[in-house]
Amino acid sequence: QVQLVESGGGLVQPGGSLRLSCAASVFSFDHEIVGWFRQAPGKEREGVACIDSSDDSTYYADSVKGRFIASRDNLKNTVYLQMNGLKPEDTAVYYCAADFASVVITACFDHEYDYWGQGTQVTVSS
């Protein structure tokens, strides 16, 4: 059974950095689309970043562009979200999602993913 496990969340001061990890139990992130999403209290879930494992293309929400970087490590079956310049408005539970389907990268936030992680809390506060 496919499992995605996120880690790396925590409390960080504004301007700080965190790196989230999304580890897969079965596949090695070499043919999948992986999306990073977040949900803040009282708000709808929103797409943050995507990485297409077939060609390493990436796509970012405007709110995180230039601050967040999605990457992967096939040897470790892990996808990462490096978050720099964190702001209080980045506070949310962050989820990774994966799918074997072919997805146009610019539509990755609207795709219905088959596999989701349990989420990891990111809190940005002084």
Foldseek 3Di string as FASTA:
>chain_A
DKAWAKDWADEAAAQAKIKIKIAIDPAQLQQKKKWKWWDDPPDDIFTAKIAGNPVRDMDGDPVQPPFWDWDHDSVRRMIMIIGGRDDQVVWTWMKMFMANDDDDRVCVRVDDGDYIHPTDTHGYHD
